[in-house]
Amino acid sequence: MSEIRVTTVSATNGTGPVTLTKQSAAKAFARWNMGSDTLQNSFNVSSGVDNGTGDGGVNLTSSMSDSLYNVIGSGEGSANTSVATFEKTSTTTASRMDFNITVNEVLDNGFGSPTAFGDLA
């Protein structure tokens, strides 16, 4: 098996970052505990918001270019055993991902895990 070890990967000019061509990486993700209002894991997320029962959001550290980016995610019930429906809401902005999670009814004691794909501002 081959192994590659490097300290820095840069563009051909030696100073710029490598450009991903025809690839896309997640620009933000979070695991938001809807019951205790705490972030358990995140990337490019500064804090979470409790918008009401089953309705949460996370504030982005670096904003997206507009509010039309793709948000996908998952939700779980409080026992981590029930799969919940995850839905991006119309109140999502360039700097905040808002979502609802439900498990047969609106849920406020589970986990919402939104992920953003699109262009950063």
PDB file of N, CA and C in Angstrom:
ATOM      1  N   MET A   1       0.849  -1.170   0.000  1.00  0.00           N
ATOM      2  CA  MET A   1       0.000   0.000   0.000  1.00  0.00           C
ATOM      3  C   MET A   1       0.895   1.234   0.000  1.00  0.00           C
ATOM      4  N   SER A   2       0.546   2.233  -0.799  1.00  0.00           N
ATOM      5  CA  SER A   2       1.313   3.466  -0.889  1.00  0.00           C
ATOM      6  C   SER A   2       0.901   4.450   0.178  1.00  0.00           C
ATOM      7  N   GLU A   3       1.825   5.305   0.520  1.00  0.00           N
ATOM      8  CA  GLU A   3       1.551   6.332   1.518  1.00  0.00           C
ATOM      9  C   GLU A   3       2.136   7.645   1.032  1.00  0.00           C
ATOM     10  N   ILE A   4       1.358   8.718   1.169  1.00  0.00           N
ATOM     11  CA  ILE A   4       1.820  10.055   0.805  1.00  0.00           C
ATOM     12  C   ILE A   4       1.762  10.916   2.047  1.00  0.00           C
ATOM     13  N   ARG A   5       2.868  11.567   2.372  1.00  0.00           N
ATOM     14  CA  ARG A   5       2.903  12.482   3.515  1.00  0.00           C
ATOM     15  C   ARG A   5       3.404  13.832   3.035  1.00  0.00           C
ATOM     16  N   VAL A   6       2.638  14.873   3.333  1.00  0.00           N
ATOM     17  CA  VAL A   6       3.026  16.223   2.941  1.00  0.00           C
ATOM     18  C   VAL A   6       2.714  17.187   4.070  1.00  0.00           C
ATOM     19  N   THR A   7       3.426  18.285   4.101  1.00  0.00           N
ATOM     20  CA  THR A   7       3.141  19.344   5.061  1.00  0.00           C
ATOM     21  C   THR A   7       2.217  20.372   4.443  1.00  0.00           C
ATOM     22  N   THR A   8       2.455  20.700   3.169  1.00  0.00           N
ATOM     23  CA  THR A   8       1.662  21.710   2.484  1.00  0.00           C
ATOM     24  C   THR A   8       1.365  21.274   1.060  1.00  0.00           C
ATOM     25  N   VAL A   9       0.132  21.475   0.622  1.00  0.00           N
ATOM     26  CA  VAL A   9      -0.232  21.280  -0.772  1.00  0.00           C
ATOM     27  C   VAL A   9      -0.631  22.641  -1.302  1.00  0.00           C
ATOM     28  N   SER A  10       0.018  23.083  -2.388  1.00  0.00           N
ATOM     29  CA  SER A  10      -0.296  24.403  -2.933  1.00  0.00           C
ATOM     30  C   SER A  10      -0.461  24.322  -4.441  1.00  0.00           C
ATOM     31  N   ALA A  11      -0.993  25.391  -5.015  1.00  0.00           N
ATOM     32  CA  ALA A  11      -1.183  25.482  -6.457  1.00  0.00           C
ATOM     33  C   ALA A  11       0.181  25.558  -7.143  1.00  0.00           C
ATOM     34  N   THR A  12       0.180  25.523  -8.459  1.00  0.00           N
ATOM     35  CA  THR A  12       1.442  25.513  -9.204  1.00  0.00           C
ATOM     36  C   THR A  12       2.286  26.751  -8.974  1.00  0.00           C
ATOM     37  N   ASN A  13       1.674  27.866  -8.532  1.00  0.00           N
ATOM     38  CA  ASN A  13       2.466  29.064  -8.249  1.00  0.00           C
ATOM     39  C   ASN A  13       3.232  28.937  -6.929  1.00  0.00           C
ATOM     40  N   GLY A  14       2.956  27.884  -6.167  1.00  0.00           N
ATOM     41  CA  GLY A  14       3.683  27.630  -4.932  1.00  0.00           C
ATOM     42  C   GLY A  14       3.136  28.332  -3.704  1.00  0.00           C
ATOM     43  N   THR A  15       2.192  29.256  -3.882  1.00  0.00           N
ATOM     44  CA  THR A  15       1.678  29.991  -2.726  1.00  0.00           C
ATOM     45  C   THR A  15       0.174  29.899  -2.562  1.00  0.00           C
ATOM     46  N   GLY A  16      -0.561  29.743  -3.653  1.00  0.00           N
ATOM     47  CA  GLY A  16      -2.018  29.724  -3.576  1.00  0.00           C
ATOM     48  C   GLY A  16      -2.552  28.359  -3.189  1.00  0.00           C
ATOM     49  N   PRO A  17      -3.815  28.327  -2.741  1.00  0.00           N
ATOM     50  CA  PRO A  17      -4.435  27.041  -2.380  1.00  0.00           C
ATOM     51  C   PRO A  17      -4.757  26.226  -3.632  1.00  0.00           C
ATOM     52  N   VAL A  18      -4.858  24.941  -3.471  1.00  0.00           N
ATOM     53  CA  VAL A  18      -5.236  24.057  -4.556  1.00  0.00           C
ATOM     54  C   VAL A  18      -6.716  24.279  -4.864  1.00  0.00           C
ATOM     55  N   THR A  19      -7.067  24.350  -6.126  1.00  0.00           N
ATOM     56  CA  THR A  19      -8.447  24.542  -6.542  1.00  0.00           C
ATOM     57  C   THR A  19      -9.092  23.188  -6.784  1.00  0.00           C
ATOM     58  N   LEU A  20     -10.241  22.957  -6.160  1.00  0.00           N
ATOM     59  CA  LEU A  20     -10.995  21.742  -6.421  1.00  0.00           C
ATOM     60  C   LEU A  20     -11.781  21.948  -7.709  1.00  0.00           C
ATOM     61  N   THR A  21     -11.586  21.087  -8.683  1.00  0.00           N
ATOM     62  CA  THR A  21     -12.282  21.195  -9.956  1.00  0.00           C
ATOM     63  C   THR A  21     -13.374  20.139 -10.016  1.00  0.00           C
ATOM     64  N   LYS A  22     -14.587  20.593 -10.279  1.00  0.00           N
ATOM     65  CA  LYS A  22     -15.757  19.715 -10.375  1.00  0.00           C
ATOM     66  C   LYS A  22     -15.952  18.890  -9.107  1.00  0.00           C
ATOM     67  N   GLN A  23     -15.604  19.464  -7.967  1.00  0.00           N
ATOM     68  CA  GLN A  23     -15.819  18.814  -6.687  1.00  0.00           C
ATOM     69  C   GLN A  23     -16.442  19.838  -5.749  1.00  0.00           C
ATOM     70  N   SER A  24     -17.115  19.363  -4.751  1.00  0.00           N
ATOM     71  CA  SER A  24     -17.695  20.266  -3.771  1.00  0.00           C
ATOM     72  C   SER A  24     -17.621  19.624  -2.397  1.00  0.00           C
ATOM     73  N   ALA A  25     -17.291  20.413  -1.436  1.00  0.00           N
ATOM     74  CA  ALA A  25     -17.238  19.927  -0.061  1.00  0.00           C
ATOM     75  C   ALA A  25     -18.299  20.658   0.756  1.00  0.00           C
ATOM     76  N   ALA A  26     -18.699  20.054   1.859  1.00  0.00           N
ATOM     77  CA  ALA A  26     -19.652  20.713   2.749  1.00  0.00           C
ATOM     78  C   ALA A  26     -19.039  22.006   3.262  1.00  0.00           C
ATOM     79  N   LYS A  27     -19.824  23.064   3.279  1.00  0.00           N
ATOM     80  CA  LYS A  27     -19.342  24.361   3.758  1.00  0.00           C
ATOM     81  C   LYS A  27     -19.647  24.565   5.235  1.00  0.00           C
ATOM     82  N   ALA A  28     -20.578  23.783   5.770  1.00  0.00           N
ATOM     83  CA  ALA A  28     -20.907  23.859   7.199  1.00  0.00           C
ATOM     84  C   ALA A  28     -21.693  22.619   7.590  1.00  0.00           C
ATOM     85  N   PHE A  29     -21.550  22.217   8.851  1.00  0.00           N
ATOM     86  CA  PHE A  29     -22.396  21.164   9.394  1.00  0.00           C
ATOM     87  C   PHE A  29     -22.486  21.330  10.899  1.00  0.00           C
ATOM     88  N   ALA A  30     -23.504  20.735  11.474  1.00  0.00           N
ATOM     89  CA  ALA A  30     -23.676  20.816  12.931  1.00  0.00           C
ATOM     90  C   ALA A  30     -24.490  19.634  13.422  1.00  0.00           C
ATOM     91  N   ARG A  31     -24.339  19.338  14.674  1.00  0.00           N
ATOM     92  CA  ARG A  31     -25.230  18.416  15.396  1.00  0.00           C
ATOM     93  C   ARG A  31     -25.761  19.222  16.569  1.00  0.00           C
ATOM     94  N   TRP A  32     -27.028  19.627  16.472  1.00  0.00           N
ATOM     95  CA  TRP A  32     -27.657  20.528  17.435  1.00  0.00           C
ATOM     96  C   TRP A  32     -28.606  19.727  18.303  1.00  0.00           C
ATOM     97  N   ASN A  33     -28.381  19.750  19.608  1.00  0.00           N
ATOM     98  CA  ASN A  33     -29.241  19.073  20.562  1.00  0.00           C
ATOM     99  C   ASN A  33     -30.433  19.978  20.831  1.00  0.00           C
ATOM    100  N   MET A  34     -31.606  19.595  20.342  1.00  0.00           N
ATOM    101  CA  MET A  34     -32.806  20.426  20.449  1.00  0.00           C
ATOM    102  C   MET A  34     -33.337  20.484  21.884  1.00  0.00           C
ATOM    103  N   GLY A  35     -32.997  19.502  22.716  1.00  0.00           N
ATOM    104  CA  GLY A  35     -33.485  19.484  24.091  1.00  0.00           C
ATOM    105  C   GLY A  35     -32.678  20.382  25.019  1.00  0.00           C
ATOM    106  N   SER A  36     -31.340  20.328  24.900  1.00  0.00           N
ATOM    107  CA  SER A  36     -30.488  21.123  25.794  1.00  0.00           C
ATOM    108  C   SER A  36     -29.932  22.375  25.125  1.00  0.00           C
ATOM    109  N   ASP A  37     -30.307  22.607  23.855  1.00  0.00           N
ATOM    110  CA  ASP A  37     -29.831  23.776  23.099  1.00  0.00           C
ATOM    111  C   ASP A  37     -28.317  23.875  23.114  1.00  0.00           C
ATOM    112  N   THR A  38     -27.658  22.776  22.748  1.00  0.00           N
ATOM    113  CA  THR A  38     -26.197  22.774  22.698  1.00  0.00           C
ATOM    114  C   THR A  38     -25.700  22.185  21.384  1.00  0.00           C
ATOM    115  N   LEU A  39     -24.578  22.713  20.914  1.00  0.00           N
ATOM    116  CA  LEU A  39     -23.900  22.141  19.761  1.00  0.00           C
ATOM    117  C   LEU A  39     -23.028  21.002  20.255  1.00  0.00           C
ATOM    118  N   GLN A  40     -23.149  19.857  19.626  1.00  0.00           N
ATOM    119  CA  GLN A  40     -22.323  18.727  20.019  1.00  0.00           C
ATOM    120  C   GLN A  40     -21.163  18.510  19.067  1.00  0.00           C
ATOM    121  N   ASN A  41     -21.272  19.016  17.858  1.00  0.00           N
ATOM    122  CA  ASN A  41     -20.210  18.921  16.869  1.00  0.00           C
ATOM    123  C   ASN A  41     -20.553  19.919  15.777  1.00  0.00           C
ATOM    124  N   SER A  42     -19.538  20.565  15.209  1.00  0.00           N
ATOM    125  CA  SER A  42     -19.849  21.528  14.159  1.00  0.00           C
ATOM    126  C   SER A  42     -18.610  21.920  13.365  1.00  0.00           C
ATOM    127  N   PHE A  43     -18.867  22.484  12.184  1.00  0.00           N
ATOM    128  CA  PHE A  43     -17.837  23.074  11.334  1.00  0.00           C
ATOM    129  C   PHE A  43     -18.455  24.322  10.709  1.00  0.00           C
ATOM    130  N   ASN A  44     -17.785  25.449  10.802  1.00  0.00           N
ATOM    131  CA  ASN A  44     -18.254  26.735  10.281  1.00  0.00           C
ATOM    132  C   ASN A  44     -19.580  27.154  10.926  1.00  0.00           C
ATOM    133  N   VAL A  45     -19.788  26.777  12.164  1.00  0.00           N
ATOM    134  CA  VAL A  45     -20.995  27.140  12.909  1.00  0.00           C
ATOM    135  C   VAL A  45     -20.569  27.755  14.235  1.00  0.00           C
ATOM    136  N   SER A  46     -21.106  28.943  14.541  1.00  0.00           N
ATOM    137  CA  SER A  46     -20.717  29.640  15.767  1.00  0.00           C
ATOM    138  C   SER A  46     -21.644  29.357  16.941  1.00  0.00           C
ATOM    139  N   SER A  47     -22.932  29.131  16.664  1.00  0.00           N
ATOM    140  CA  SER A  47     -23.888  28.907  17.739  1.00  0.00           C
ATOM    141  C   SER A  47     -25.186  28.361  17.163  1.00  0.00           C
ATOM    142  N   GLY A  48     -26.053  27.895  18.058  1.00  0.00           N
ATOM    143  CA  GLY A  48     -27.351  27.390  17.653  1.00  0.00           C
ATOM    144  C   GLY A  48     -28.464  28.288  18.153  1.00  0.00           C
ATOM    145  N   VAL A  49     -29.647  28.107  17.578  1.00  0.00           N
ATOM    146  CA  VAL A  49     -30.805  28.923  17.915  1.00  0.00           C
ATOM    147  C   VAL A  49     -32.013  28.013  18.112  1.00  0.00           C
ATOM    148  N   ASP A  50     -32.745  28.219  19.199  1.00  0.00           N
ATOM    149  CA  ASP A  50     -33.995  27.495  19.436  1.00  0.00           C
ATOM    150  C   ASP A  50     -35.120  28.408  18.985  1.00  0.00           C
ATOM    151  N   ASN A  51     -35.745  28.069  17.845  1.00  0.00           N
ATOM    152  CA  ASN A  51     -36.819  28.886  17.286  1.00  0.00           C
ATOM    153  C   ASN A  51     -38.197  28.463  17.779  1.00  0.00           C
ATOM    154  N   GLY A  52     -38.282  27.395  18.572  1.00  0.00           N
ATOM    155  CA  GLY A  52     -39.561  26.880  19.044  1.00  0.00           C
ATOM    156  C   GLY A  52     -39.554  25.362  18.984  1.00  0.00           C
ATOM    157  N   THR A  53     -40.660  24.751  19.302  1.00  0.00           N
ATOM    158  CA  THR A  53     -40.752  23.298  19.339  1.00  0.00           C
ATOM    159  C   THR A  53     -40.435  22.684  17.975  1.00  0.00           C
ATOM    160  N   GLY A  54     -39.395  21.865  17.945  1.00  0.00           N
ATOM    161  CA  GLY A  54     -38.988  21.202  16.715  1.00  0.00           C
ATOM    162  C   GLY A  54     -38.394  22.106  15.672  1.00  0.00           C
ATOM    163  N   ASP A  55     -38.140  23.351  16.012  1.00  0.00           N
ATOM    164  CA  ASP A  55     -37.682  24.367  15.068  1.00  0.00           C
ATOM    165  C   ASP A  55     -36.363  24.939  15.572  1.00  0.00           C
ATOM    166  N   GLY A  56     -35.295  24.662  14.864  1.00  0.00           N
ATOM    167  CA  GLY A  56     -33.983  25.134  15.297  1.00  0.00           C
ATOM    168  C   GLY A  56     -33.228  25.792  14.169  1.00  0.00           C
ATOM    169  N   GLY A  57     -32.057  26.259  14.495  1.00  0.00           N
ATOM    170  CA  GLY A  57     -31.194  26.872  13.502  1.00  0.00           C
ATOM    171  C   GLY A  57     -29.777  26.950  14.023  1.00  0.00           C
ATOM    172  N   VAL A  58     -28.841  27.136  13.117  1.00  0.00           N
ATOM    173  CA  VAL A  58     -27.448  27.338  13.499  1.00  0.00           C
ATOM    174  C   VAL A  58     -26.901  28.537  12.738  1.00  0.00           C
ATOM    175  N   ASN A  59     -26.137  29.362  13.442  1.00  0.00           N
ATOM    176  CA  ASN A  59     -25.516  30.541  12.845  1.00  0.00           C
ATOM    177  C   ASN A  59     -24.173  30.164  12.243  1.00  0.00           C
ATOM    178  N   LEU A  60     -23.958  30.594  11.007  1.00  0.00           N
ATOM    179  CA  LEU A  60     -22.728  30.273  10.301  1.00  0.00           C
ATOM    180  C   LEU A  60     -21.624  31.265  10.657  1.00  0.00           C
ATOM    181  N   THR A  61     -20.420  30.773  10.834  1.00  0.00           N
ATOM    182  CA  THR A  61     -19.267  31.630  11.085  1.00  0.00           C
ATOM    183  C   THR A  61     -18.932  32.423   9.824  1.00  0.00           C
ATOM    184  N   SER A  62     -18.857  31.735   8.691  1.00  0.00           N
ATOM    185  CA  SER A  62     -18.651  32.373   7.387  1.00  0.00           C
ATOM    186  C   SER A  62     -19.931  32.187   6.585  1.00  0.00           C
ATOM    187  N   SER A  63     -20.518  33.281   6.145  1.00  0.00           N
ATOM    188  CA  SER A  63     -21.809  33.235   5.446  1.00  0.00           C
ATOM    189  C   SER A  63     -21.696  32.613   4.062  1.00  0.00           C
ATOM    190  N   MET A  64     -22.814  32.093   3.609  1.00  0.00           N
ATOM    191  CA  MET A  64     -22.937  31.610   2.238  1.00  0.00           C
ATOM    192  C   MET A  64     -23.160  32.823   1.330  1.00  0.00           C
ATOM    193  N   SER A  65     -23.064  32.629   0.013  1.00  0.00           N
ATOM    194  CA  SER A  65     -23.191  33.753  -0.912  1.00  0.00           C
ATOM    195  C   SER A  65     -24.616  34.307  -0.968  1.00  0.00           C
ATOM    196  N   ASP A  66     -25.626  33.470  -0.683  1.00  0.00           N
ATOM    197  CA  ASP A  66     -27.023  33.897  -0.619  1.00  0.00           C
ATOM    198  C   ASP A  66     -27.796  32.821   0.141  1.00  0.00           C
ATOM    199  N   SER A  67     -29.096  32.955   0.218  1.00  0.00           N
ATOM    200  CA  SER A  67     -29.902  31.991   0.986  1.00  0.00           C
ATOM    201  C   SER A  67     -30.364  30.797   0.153  1.00  0.00           C
ATOM    202  N   LEU A  68     -29.922  30.690  -1.095  1.00  0.00           N
ATOM    203  CA  LEU A  68     -30.393  29.642  -1.989  1.00  0.00           C
ATOM    204  C   LEU A  68     -29.506  28.402  -1.990  1.00  0.00           C
ATOM    205  N   TYR A  69     -28.605  28.261  -1.038  1.00  0.00           N
ATOM    206  CA  TYR A  69     -27.733  27.085  -0.969  1.00  0.00           C
ATOM    207  C   TYR A  69     -28.531  25.857  -0.533  1.00  0.00           C
ATOM    208  N   ASN A  70     -27.974  24.709  -0.771  1.00  0.00           N
ATOM    209  CA  ASN A  70     -28.637  23.447  -0.435  1.00  0.00           C
ATOM    210  C   ASN A  70     -28.350  23.075   1.013  1.00  0.00           C
ATOM    211  N   VAL A  71     -29.397  22.781   1.765  1.00  0.00           N
ATOM    212  CA  VAL A  71     -29.258  22.289   3.131  1.00  0.00           C
ATOM    213  C   VAL A  71     -29.847  20.887   3.173  1.00  0.00           C
ATOM    214  N   ILE A  72     -29.030  19.938   3.550  1.00  0.00           N
ATOM    215  CA  ILE A  72     -29.518  18.584   3.766  1.00  0.00           C
ATOM    216  C   ILE A  72     -29.239  18.243   5.220  1.00  0.00           C
ATOM    217  N   GLY A  73     -29.905  17.255   5.728  1.00  0.00           N
ATOM    218  CA  GLY A  73     -29.662  16.928   7.116  1.00  0.00           C
ATOM    219  C   GLY A  73     -30.435  15.729   7.575  1.00  0.00           C
ATOM    220  N   SER A  74     -30.325  15.496   8.850  1.00  0.00           N
ATOM    221  CA  SER A  74     -31.041  14.393   9.459  1.00  0.00           C
ATOM    222  C   SER A  74     -31.499  14.805  10.840  1.00  0.00           C
ATOM    223  N   GLY A  75     -32.413  14.059  11.366  1.00  0.00           N
ATOM    224  CA  GLY A  75     -32.886  14.292  12.716  1.00  0.00           C
ATOM    225  C   GLY A  75     -33.062  12.969  13.423  1.00  0.00           C
ATOM    226  N   GLU A  76     -32.975  12.996  14.741  1.00  0.00           N
ATOM    227  CA  GLU A  76     -33.157  11.788  15.528  1.00  0.00           C
ATOM    228  C   GLU A  76     -33.996  12.114  16.738  1.00  0.00           C
ATOM    229  N   GLY A  77     -34.714  11.135  17.215  1.00  0.00           N
ATOM    230  CA  GLY A  77     -35.444  11.294  18.463  1.00  0.00           C
ATOM    231  C   GLY A  77     -34.470  11.314  19.632  1.00  0.00           C
ATOM    232  N   SER A  78     -34.958  11.663  20.783  1.00  0.00           N
ATOM    233  CA  SER A  78     -34.097  11.829  21.956  1.00  0.00           C
ATOM    234  C   SER A  78     -33.391  10.553  22.376  1.00  0.00           C
ATOM    235  N   ALA A  79     -33.944   9.413  22.070  1.00  0.00           N
ATOM    236  CA  ALA A  79     -33.307   8.149  22.444  1.00  0.00           C
ATOM    237  C   ALA A  79     -32.308   7.685  21.385  1.00  0.00           C
ATOM    238  N   ASN A  80     -32.083   8.520  20.368  1.00  0.00           N
ATOM    239  CA  ASN A  80     -31.185   8.213  19.258  1.00  0.00           C
ATOM    240  C   ASN A  80     -31.598   6.951  18.501  1.00  0.00           C
ATOM    241  N   THR A  81     -32.853   6.604  18.600  1.00  0.00           N
ATOM    242  CA  THR A  81     -33.322   5.385  17.941  1.00  0.00           C
ATOM    243  C   THR A  81     -34.351   5.670  16.863  1.00  0.00           C
ATOM    244  N   SER A  82     -35.013   6.792  16.918  1.00  0.00           N
ATOM    245  CA  SER A  82     -36.060   7.076  15.946  1.00  0.00           C
ATOM    246  C   SER A  82     -35.568   8.064  14.907  1.00  0.00           C
ATOM    247  N   VAL A  83     -35.781   7.724  13.653  1.00  0.00           N
ATOM    248  CA  VAL A  83     -35.381   8.600  12.566  1.00  0.00           C
ATOM    249  C   VAL A  83     -36.416   9.699  12.430  1.00  0.00           C
ATOM    250  N   ALA A  84     -35.955  10.918  12.304  1.00  0.00           N
ATOM    251  CA  ALA A  84     -36.860  12.056  12.189  1.00  0.00           C
ATOM    252  C   ALA A  84     -36.809  12.623  10.775  1.00  0.00           C
ATOM    253  N   THR A  85     -37.858  13.323  10.401  1.00  0.00           N
ATOM    254  CA  THR A  85     -37.880  14.046   9.145  1.00  0.00           C
ATOM    255  C   THR A  85     -37.161  15.370   9.345  1.00  0.00           C
ATOM    256  N   PHE A  86     -36.294  15.724   8.416  1.00  0.00           N
ATOM    257  CA  PHE A  86     -35.531  16.969   8.468  1.00  0.00           C
ATOM    258  C   PHE A  86     -36.005  17.861   7.334  1.00  0.00           C
ATOM    259  N   GLU A  87     -36.254  19.137   7.628  1.00  0.00           N
ATOM    260  CA  GLU A  87     -36.736  20.053   6.601  1.00  0.00           C
ATOM    261  C   GLU A  87     -36.092  21.429   6.770  1.00  0.00           C
ATOM    262  N   LYS A  88     -35.475  21.926   5.685  1.00  0.00           N
ATOM    263  CA  LYS A  88     -34.972  23.306   5.657  1.00  0.00           C
ATOM    264  C   LYS A  88     -36.180  24.232   5.647  1.00  0.00           C
ATOM    265  N   THR A  89     -36.139  25.315   6.429  1.00  0.00           N
ATOM    266  CA  THR A  89     -37.284  26.232   6.464  1.00  0.00           C
ATOM    267  C   THR A  89     -37.032  27.477   5.626  1.00  0.00           C
ATOM    268  N   SER A  90     -38.104  28.193   5.344  1.00  0.00           N
ATOM    269  CA  SER A  90     -38.026  29.388   4.503  1.00  0.00           C
ATOM    270  C   SER A  90     -37.334  30.555   5.204  1.00  0.00           C
ATOM    271  N   THR A  91     -37.072  30.444   6.502  1.00  0.00           N
ATOM    272  CA  THR A  91     -36.389  31.525   7.217  1.00  0.00           C
ATOM    273  C   THR A  91     -34.871  31.402   7.150  1.00  0.00           C
ATOM    274  N   THR A  92     -34.369  30.395   6.449  1.00  0.00           N
ATOM    275  CA  THR A  92     -32.920  30.252   6.269  1.00  0.00           C
ATOM    276  C   THR A  92     -32.382  31.473   5.533  1.00  0.00           C
ATOM    277  N   THR A  93     -31.258  31.981   6.003  1.00  0.00           N
ATOM    278  CA  THR A  93     -30.599  33.131   5.381  1.00  0.00           C
ATOM    279  C   THR A  93     -29.184  32.733   4.975  1.00  0.00           C
ATOM    280  N   ALA A  94     -28.435  33.673   4.402  1.00  0.00           N
ATOM    281  CA  ALA A  94     -27.049  33.407   4.019  1.00  0.00           C
ATOM    282  C   ALA A  94     -26.177  33.114   5.232  1.00  0.00           C
ATOM    283  N   SER A  95     -26.587  33.580   6.399  1.00  0.00           N
ATOM    284  CA  SER A  95     -25.764  33.397   7.592  1.00  0.00           C
ATOM    285  C   SER A  95     -26.374  32.458   8.636  1.00  0.00           C
ATOM    286  N   ARG A  96     -27.529  31.849   8.314  1.00  0.00           N
ATOM    287  CA  ARG A  96     -28.143  30.939   9.280  1.00  0.00           C
ATOM    288  C   ARG A  96     -28.946  29.842   8.579  1.00  0.00           C
ATOM    289  N   MET A  97     -28.720  28.584   9.000  1.00  0.00           N
ATOM    290  CA  MET A  97     -29.493  27.449   8.502  1.00  0.00           C
ATOM    291  C   MET A  97     -30.602  27.167   9.505  1.00  0.00           C
ATOM    292  N   ASP A  98     -31.849  27.319   9.100  1.00  0.00           N
ATOM    293  CA  ASP A  98     -32.993  27.005   9.952  1.00  0.00           C
ATOM    294  C   ASP A  98     -33.624  25.706   9.474  1.00  0.00           C
ATOM    295  N   PHE A  99     -34.143  24.915  10.416  1.00  0.00           N
ATOM    296  CA  PHE A  99     -34.696  23.618  10.068  1.00  0.00           C
ATOM    297  C   PHE A  99     -35.750  23.188  11.079  1.00  0.00           C
ATOM    298  N   ASN A 100     -36.592  22.247  10.657  1.00  0.00           N
ATOM    299  CA  ASN A 100     -37.579  21.587  11.523  1.00  0.00           C
ATOM    300  C   ASN A 100     -37.268  20.100  11.529  1.00  0.00           C
ATOM    301  N   ILE A 101     -37.479  19.462  12.685  1.00  0.00           N
ATOM    302  CA  ILE A 101     -37.399  18.008  12.728  1.00  0.00           C
ATOM    303  C   ILE A 101     -38.671  17.476  13.372  1.00  0.00           C
ATOM    304  N   THR A 102     -39.147  16.367  12.839  1.00  0.00           N
ATOM    305  CA  THR A 102     -40.355  15.731  13.374  1.00  0.00           C
ATOM    306  C   THR A 102     -40.185  14.216  13.408  1.00  0.00           C
ATOM    307  N   VAL A 103     -40.806  13.581  14.391  1.00  0.00           N
ATOM    308  CA  VAL A 103     -40.911  12.123  14.470  1.00  0.00           C
ATOM    309  C   VAL A 103     -42.381  11.856  14.768  1.00  0.00           C
ATOM    310  N   ASN A 104     -43.164  11.726  13.723  1.00  0.00           N
ATOM    311  CA  ASN A 104     -44.614  11.543  13.827  1.00  0.00           C
ATOM    312  C   ASN A 104     -45.321  12.751  14.445  1.00  0.00           C
ATOM    313  N   GLU A 105     -44.617  13.639  15.045  1.00  0.00           N
ATOM    314  CA  GLU A 105     -45.139  14.895  15.570  1.00  0.00           C
ATOM    315  C   GLU A 105     -43.958  15.840  15.721  1.00  0.00           C
ATOM    316  N   VAL A 106     -44.210  17.107  15.896  1.00  0.00           N
ATOM    317  CA  VAL A 106     -43.122  18.073  16.064  1.00  0.00           C
ATOM    318  C   VAL A 106     -42.338  17.703  17.303  1.00  0.00           C
ATOM    319  N   LEU A 107     -41.021  17.732  17.193  1.00  0.00           N
ATOM    320  CA  LEU A 107     -40.143  17.211  18.222  1.00  0.00           C
ATOM    321  C   LEU A 107     -39.235  18.297  18.774  1.00  0.00           C
ATOM    322  N   ASP A 108     -39.066  18.366  20.088  1.00  0.00           N
ATOM    323  CA  ASP A 108     -38.171  19.358  20.670  1.00  0.00           C
ATOM    324  C   ASP A 108     -37.179  18.736  21.650  1.00  0.00           C
ATOM    325  N   ASN A 109     -36.958  17.437  21.558  1.00  0.00           N
ATOM    326  CA  ASN A 109     -36.000  16.827  22.461  1.00  0.00           C
ATOM    327  C   ASN A 109     -35.058  15.887  21.731  1.00  0.00           C
ATOM    328  N   GLY A 110     -34.870  16.099  20.452  1.00  0.00           N
ATOM    329  CA  GLY A 110     -33.981  15.263  19.654  1.00  0.00           C
ATOM    330  C   GLY A 110     -32.799  16.052  19.136  1.00  0.00           C
ATOM    331  N   PHE A 111     -32.288  15.614  18.000  1.00  0.00           N
ATOM    332  CA  PHE A 111     -31.107  16.226  17.413  1.00  0.00           C
ATOM    333  C   PHE A 111     -31.374  16.607  15.968  1.00  0.00           C
ATOM    334  N   GLY A 112     -30.934  17.785  15.577  1.00  0.00           N
ATOM    335  CA  GLY A 112     -30.987  18.221  14.186  1.00  0.00           C
ATOM    336  C   GLY A 112     -29.560  18.347  13.683  1.00  0.00           C
ATOM    337  N   SER A 113     -29.304  17.805  12.498  1.00  0.00           N
ATOM    338  CA  SER A 113     -27.949  17.823  11.952  1.00  0.00           C
ATOM    339  C   SER A 113     -27.967  18.384  10.531  1.00  0.00           C
ATOM    340  N   PRO A 114     -27.946  19.716  10.385  1.00  0.00           N
ATOM    341  CA  PRO A 114     -27.943  20.317   9.051  1.00  0.00           C
ATOM    342  C   PRO A 114     -26.538  20.367   8.452  1.00  0.00           C
ATOM    343  N   THR A 115     -26.472  20.285   7.125  1.00  0.00           N
ATOM    344  CA  THR A 115     -25.217  20.399   6.378  1.00  0.00           C
ATOM    345  C   THR A 115     -25.476  21.312   5.187  1.00  0.00           C
ATOM    346  N   ALA A 116     -24.570  22.262   4.946  1.00  0.00           N
ATOM    347  CA  ALA A 116     -24.733  23.228   3.852  1.00  0.00           C
ATOM    348  C   ALA A 116     -23.778  22.928   2.700  1.00  0.00           C
ATOM    349  N   PHE A 117     -24.334  22.991   1.484  1.00  0.00           N
ATOM    350  CA  PHE A 117     -23.542  22.875   0.258  1.00  0.00           C
ATOM    351  C   PHE A 117     -23.854  24.079  -0.602  1.00  0.00           C
ATOM    352  N   GLY A 118     -22.851  24.700  -1.171  1.00  0.00           N
ATOM    353  CA  GLY A 118     -23.027  25.871  -2.014  1.00  0.00           C
ATOM    354  C   GLY A 118     -21.768  26.709  -1.982  1.00  0.00           C
ATOM    355  N   ASP A 119     -21.895  27.973  -2.331  1.00  0.00           N
ATOM    356  CA  ASP A 119     -20.758  28.882  -2.366  1.00  0.00           C
ATOM    357  C   ASP A 119     -20.729  29.785  -1.158  1.00  0.00           C
ATOM    358  N   LEU A 120     -19.546  29.936  -0.579  1.00  0.00           N
ATOM    359  CA  LEU A 120     -19.382  30.903   0.505  1.00  0.00           C
ATOM    360  C   LEU A 120     -19.333  32.305  -0.070  1.00  0.00           C
ATOM    361  N   ALA A 121     -19.685  33.294   0.742  1.00  0.00           N
ATOM    362  CA  ALA A 121     -19.680  34.700   0.293  1.00  0.00           C
ATOM    363  C   ALA A 121     -18.276  35.143  -0.027  1.00  0.00           C
TER     364      ALA A 121
END
